[in-house]
Amino acid sequence: VNILVILAAAFVWALKSVAFSRRKSRGPRIEWQKWRPSRPVETPFALPARRSMADPLQQQLAIEKVAFETQPLLNKSEARLLPLFELCAREAGRGVRVMAQTSLGEVIRPASTKGTQTERDEAYAAINSKRLDFAFFDRSGTVILAIEYQGSGHYGRSSFMRDAVKREALRKAGVPLIEVPESQDQSLLKAQVQAILGPPDRP
């Protein structure tokens, strides 16, 4: 019996030795995860490059693809103020005129007395895209009064900052500014405008 036990143990040991030698010959075990092919890198969908709209040819191609329609220059609240300002201009006389939605960069510009040319160019770029709701001009076409209507859309952060830029640029140019609240009394507003324009022109 002892001999049989010894032979059985020797047989088991031999089998384990053969299995170990085979594993050793194949090298270290490699985890399956390391053999999985890597997923392809997903690239975002490339949007078509936008054309340069500074090119008049591209501008022409762009407008050929769409339809156009008219739209009011002023919203309803602003439009109610225009007749009042036109009356103020007529009563002032002396060639005074009022215009709506006027480009700020067309009526004021950085003076050559301060700042470098680069600084002046940057300052002009800061105001050039902004507009005045209403502007009064003298006979020579120089702006003498600016009007900003502070409707409900003027109280957002971006609107507040745009108004601050216009306010400071006009102050530096010496142009009076009247900011009209949404519920402004028209008789009081007319008195404010007339105080800046001066006494009516008498024949």
Protein backbone atom coordinates (compact mmCIF):
# COMPACT_ATOMS: atom_id res chain seq x y z
CA VAL A 1 0.00 0.00 0.00
CA ASN A 2 2.79 2.43 0.87
CA ILE A 3 4.40 1.81 -2.47
CA LEU A 4 1.15 2.63 -4.27
CA VAL A 5 0.78 5.90 -2.29
CA ILE A 6 4.36 6.87 -3.11
CA LEU A 7 3.83 6.11 -6.82
CA ALA A 8 0.59 8.12 -6.91
CA ALA A 9 2.26 11.11 -5.24
CA ALA A 10 5.18 10.91 -7.66
CA PHE A 11 2.73 10.84 -10.61
CA VAL A 12 0.88 13.94 -9.37
CA TRP A 13 4.17 15.77 -8.82
CA ALA A 14 5.28 14.91 -12.34
CA LEU A 15 2.05 16.29 -13.84
CA LYS A 16 2.44 19.57 -11.92
CA SER A 17 6.06 19.87 -13.06
CA VAL A 18 5.08 19.44 -16.71
CA ALA A 19 2.29 22.05 -16.42
CA PHE A 20 4.62 24.55 -14.74
CA SER A 21 7.29 24.10 -17.37
CA ARG A 22 4.75 24.73 -20.14
CA ARG A 23 3.52 27.95 -18.50
CA LYS A 24 7.09 29.12 -18.00
CA SER A 25 7.92 28.50 -21.65
CA ARG A 26 4.95 30.67 -22.78
CA GLY A 27 6.12 33.64 -20.70
CA PRO A 28 4.13 35.68 -18.18
CA ARG A 29 0.36 35.62 -18.34
CA ILE A 30 -1.13 38.61 -20.08
CA GLU A 31 -4.46 39.96 -18.95
CA TRP A 32 -7.22 39.96 -21.54
CA GLN A 33 -7.85 43.64 -21.03
CA LYS A 34 -4.37 44.44 -22.33
CA TRP A 35 -5.08 42.63 -25.56
CA ARG A 36 -8.38 44.36 -26.31
CA PRO A 37 -8.08 46.65 -29.29
CA SER A 38 -8.27 50.32 -28.30
CA ARG A 39 -11.41 52.20 -29.31
CA PRO A 40 -10.94 54.63 -32.18
CA VAL A 41 -10.63 58.26 -31.14
CA GLU A 42 -13.83 60.09 -31.95
CA THR A 43 -13.26 63.36 -33.78
CA PRO A 44 -15.91 66.10 -33.56
CA PHE A 45 -17.98 66.79 -36.63
CA ALA A 46 -16.13 69.42 -38.60
CA LEU A 47 -18.31 72.40 -39.49
CA PRO A 48 -17.76 73.90 -42.92
CA ALA A 49 -15.47 76.89 -42.88
CA ARG A 50 -17.35 80.20 -42.95
CA ARG A 51 -16.69 82.49 -45.85
CA SER A 52 -15.02 85.82 -45.29
CA MET A 53 -17.84 88.35 -45.53
CA ALA A 54 -15.35 91.18 -46.03
CA ASP A 55 -15.17 90.09 -49.68
CA PRO A 56 -17.86 91.81 -51.80
CA LEU A 57 -18.12 88.73 -54.02
CA GLN A 58 -18.92 86.54 -51.00
CA GLN A 59 -21.43 89.16 -49.85
CA GLN A 60 -23.18 88.97 -53.21
CA LEU A 61 -23.25 85.17 -53.12
CA ALA A 62 -24.68 85.27 -49.59
CA ILE A 63 -27.57 87.61 -50.35
CA GLU A 64 -28.51 85.63 -53.47
CA LYS A 65 -29.41 82.64 -51.28
CA VAL A 66 -31.98 84.36 -49.05
CA ALA A 67 -35.01 86.64 -49.19
CA PHE A 68 -35.20 90.05 -47.51
CA GLU A 69 -38.03 92.00 -45.90
CA THR A 70 -38.39 95.44 -44.37
CA GLN A 71 -38.45 96.02 -40.63
CA PRO A 72 -39.21 99.10 -38.50
CA LEU A 73 -36.23 101.26 -37.60
CA LEU A 74 -37.70 101.91 -34.13
CA ASN A 75 -39.73 99.80 -31.75
CA LYS A 76 -43.17 101.05 -30.71
CA SER A 77 -41.97 102.87 -27.60
CA GLU A 78 -39.16 104.63 -29.46
CA ALA A 79 -41.46 105.52 -32.36
CA ARG A 80 -43.79 107.38 -29.96
CA LEU A 81 -40.89 109.65 -28.98
CA LEU A 82 -39.80 110.58 -32.49
CA PRO A 83 -42.63 113.11 -33.17
CA LEU A 84 -41.79 114.87 -29.90
CA PHE A 85 -38.13 115.19 -30.84
CA GLU A 86 -39.01 116.36 -34.35
CA LEU A 87 -41.17 119.08 -32.77
CA CYS A 88 -38.28 120.12 -30.53
CA ALA A 89 -35.98 120.37 -33.55
CA ARG A 90 -38.48 122.49 -35.51
CA GLU A 91 -39.06 124.84 -32.61
CA ALA A 92 -35.33 125.22 -31.98
CA GLY A 93 -34.80 126.34 -35.58
CA ARG A 94 -31.23 127.26 -36.61
CA GLY A 95 -31.09 124.20 -38.85
CA VAL A 96 -31.35 121.72 -35.96
CA ARG A 97 -32.26 118.20 -37.09
CA VAL A 98 -32.98 114.94 -35.28
CA MET A 99 -32.08 111.48 -36.54
CA ALA A 100 -32.74 107.99 -35.21
CA GLN A 101 -30.47 104.96 -34.84
CA THR A 102 -27.31 106.88 -35.64
CA SER A 103 -23.92 105.16 -35.67
CA LEU A 104 -21.85 106.46 -32.77
CA GLY A 105 -18.66 106.02 -34.77
CA GLU A 106 -20.01 108.38 -37.43
CA VAL A 107 -20.58 111.31 -35.07
CA ILE A 108 -17.62 111.15 -32.63
CA ARG A 109 -14.05 109.87 -32.92
CA PRO A 110 -10.95 109.67 -30.71
CA ALA A 111 -9.04 112.95 -30.64
CA SER A 112 -5.44 112.93 -31.85
CA THR A 113 -4.33 114.77 -28.70
CA LYS A 114 -4.21 111.70 -26.46
CA GLY A 115 -3.07 108.08 -26.77
CA THR A 116 -1.10 106.20 -29.39
CA GLN A 117 -2.51 105.45 -32.81
CA THR A 118 -3.12 101.85 -31.74
CA GLU A 119 -4.98 103.02 -28.65
CA ARG A 120 -7.11 105.39 -30.71
CA ASP A 121 -7.89 102.62 -33.22
CA GLU A 122 -8.98 100.32 -30.39
CA ALA A 123 -11.13 103.03 -28.83
CA TYR A 124 -12.79 103.71 -32.17
CA ALA A 125 -13.48 100.00 -32.65
CA ALA A 126 -15.14 100.00 -29.22
CA ILE A 127 -17.74 102.58 -30.29
CA ASN A 128 -18.08 102.07 -34.02
CA SER A 129 -20.65 99.27 -33.84
CA LYS A 130 -22.82 101.11 -31.30
CA ARG A 131 -25.79 103.34 -32.13
CA LEU A 132 -27.60 106.24 -30.54
CA ASP A 133 -31.37 105.88 -30.30
CA PHE A 134 -31.78 109.54 -31.25
CA ALA A 135 -29.29 112.32 -32.00
CA PHE A 136 -29.78 116.07 -32.58
CA PHE A 137 -27.49 117.84 -35.04
CA ASP A 138 -26.78 121.49 -35.74
CA ARG A 139 -26.72 123.07 -39.18
CA SER A 140 -23.19 121.81 -39.87
CA GLY A 141 -24.11 118.20 -39.09
CA THR A 142 -22.33 118.09 -35.73
CA VAL A 143 -24.05 116.15 -32.97
CA ILE A 144 -25.22 118.43 -30.15
CA LEU A 145 -27.43 116.10 -28.10
CA ALA A 146 -27.80 112.34 -27.73
CA ILE A 147 -30.91 110.53 -26.50
CA GLU A 148 -30.94 106.98 -25.15
CA TYR A 149 -34.28 105.31 -24.46
CA GLN A 150 -33.90 103.00 -21.46
CA GLY A 151 -36.57 100.44 -22.22
CA SER A 152 -36.92 97.05 -20.58
CA GLY A 153 -34.13 95.62 -22.75
CA HIS A 154 -31.52 97.99 -21.30
CA TYR A 155 -31.24 96.37 -17.88
CA GLY A 156 -29.30 93.20 -18.75
CA ARG A 157 -25.59 93.04 -17.95
CA SER A 158 -24.45 93.32 -21.58
CA SER A 159 -26.85 96.21 -22.27
CA PHE A 160 -25.67 98.00 -19.14
CA MET A 161 -22.04 97.72 -20.26
CA ARG A 162 -22.85 98.92 -23.79
CA ASP A 163 -24.66 101.93 -22.37
CA ALA A 164 -21.70 102.65 -20.07
CA VAL A 165 -19.33 102.67 -23.04
CA LYS A 166 -21.57 105.08 -24.97
CA ARG A 167 -22.05 107.26 -21.90
CA GLU A 168 -18.32 107.65 -21.30
CA ALA A 169 -17.46 108.23 -24.96
CA LEU A 170 -20.11 110.96 -25.24
CA ARG A 171 -18.93 112.57 -22.01
CA LYS A 172 -15.37 112.74 -23.31
CA ALA A 173 -16.61 114.23 -26.59
CA GLY A 174 -18.57 116.90 -24.70
CA VAL A 175 -21.93 115.73 -26.07
CA PRO A 176 -24.91 116.02 -23.65
CA LEU A 177 -26.83 112.80 -23.08
CA ILE A 178 -30.41 112.39 -21.93
CA GLU A 179 -31.37 108.89 -20.79
CA VAL A 180 -35.12 108.45 -21.06
CA PRO A 181 -36.74 105.96 -18.66
CA GLU A 182 -39.59 103.80 -19.92
CA SER A 183 -42.27 105.82 -18.11
CA GLN A 184 -40.90 109.31 -18.77
CA ASP A 185 -43.44 112.16 -18.89
CA GLN A 186 -43.27 113.72 -22.37
CA SER A 187 -43.74 117.30 -21.20
CA LEU A 188 -40.81 116.94 -18.80
CA LEU A 189 -38.73 115.29 -21.52
CA LYS A 190 -39.49 118.14 -23.92
CA ALA A 191 -38.35 120.66 -21.31
CA GLN A 192 -35.08 118.75 -20.85
CA VAL A 193 -34.40 118.72 -24.58
CA GLN A 194 -35.25 122.42 -25.01
CA ALA A 195 -32.97 123.35 -22.10
CA ILE A 196 -30.02 121.81 -23.97
CA LEU A 197 -30.95 122.99 -27.45
CA GLY A 198 -31.44 126.53 -26.25
CA PRO A 199 -34.24 129.02 -26.73
CA PRO A 200 -36.39 128.71 -29.85
CA ASP A 201 -35.25 130.54 -32.95
CA ARG A 202 -37.24 133.78 -33.40
CA PRO A 203 -37.89 135.35 -36.80
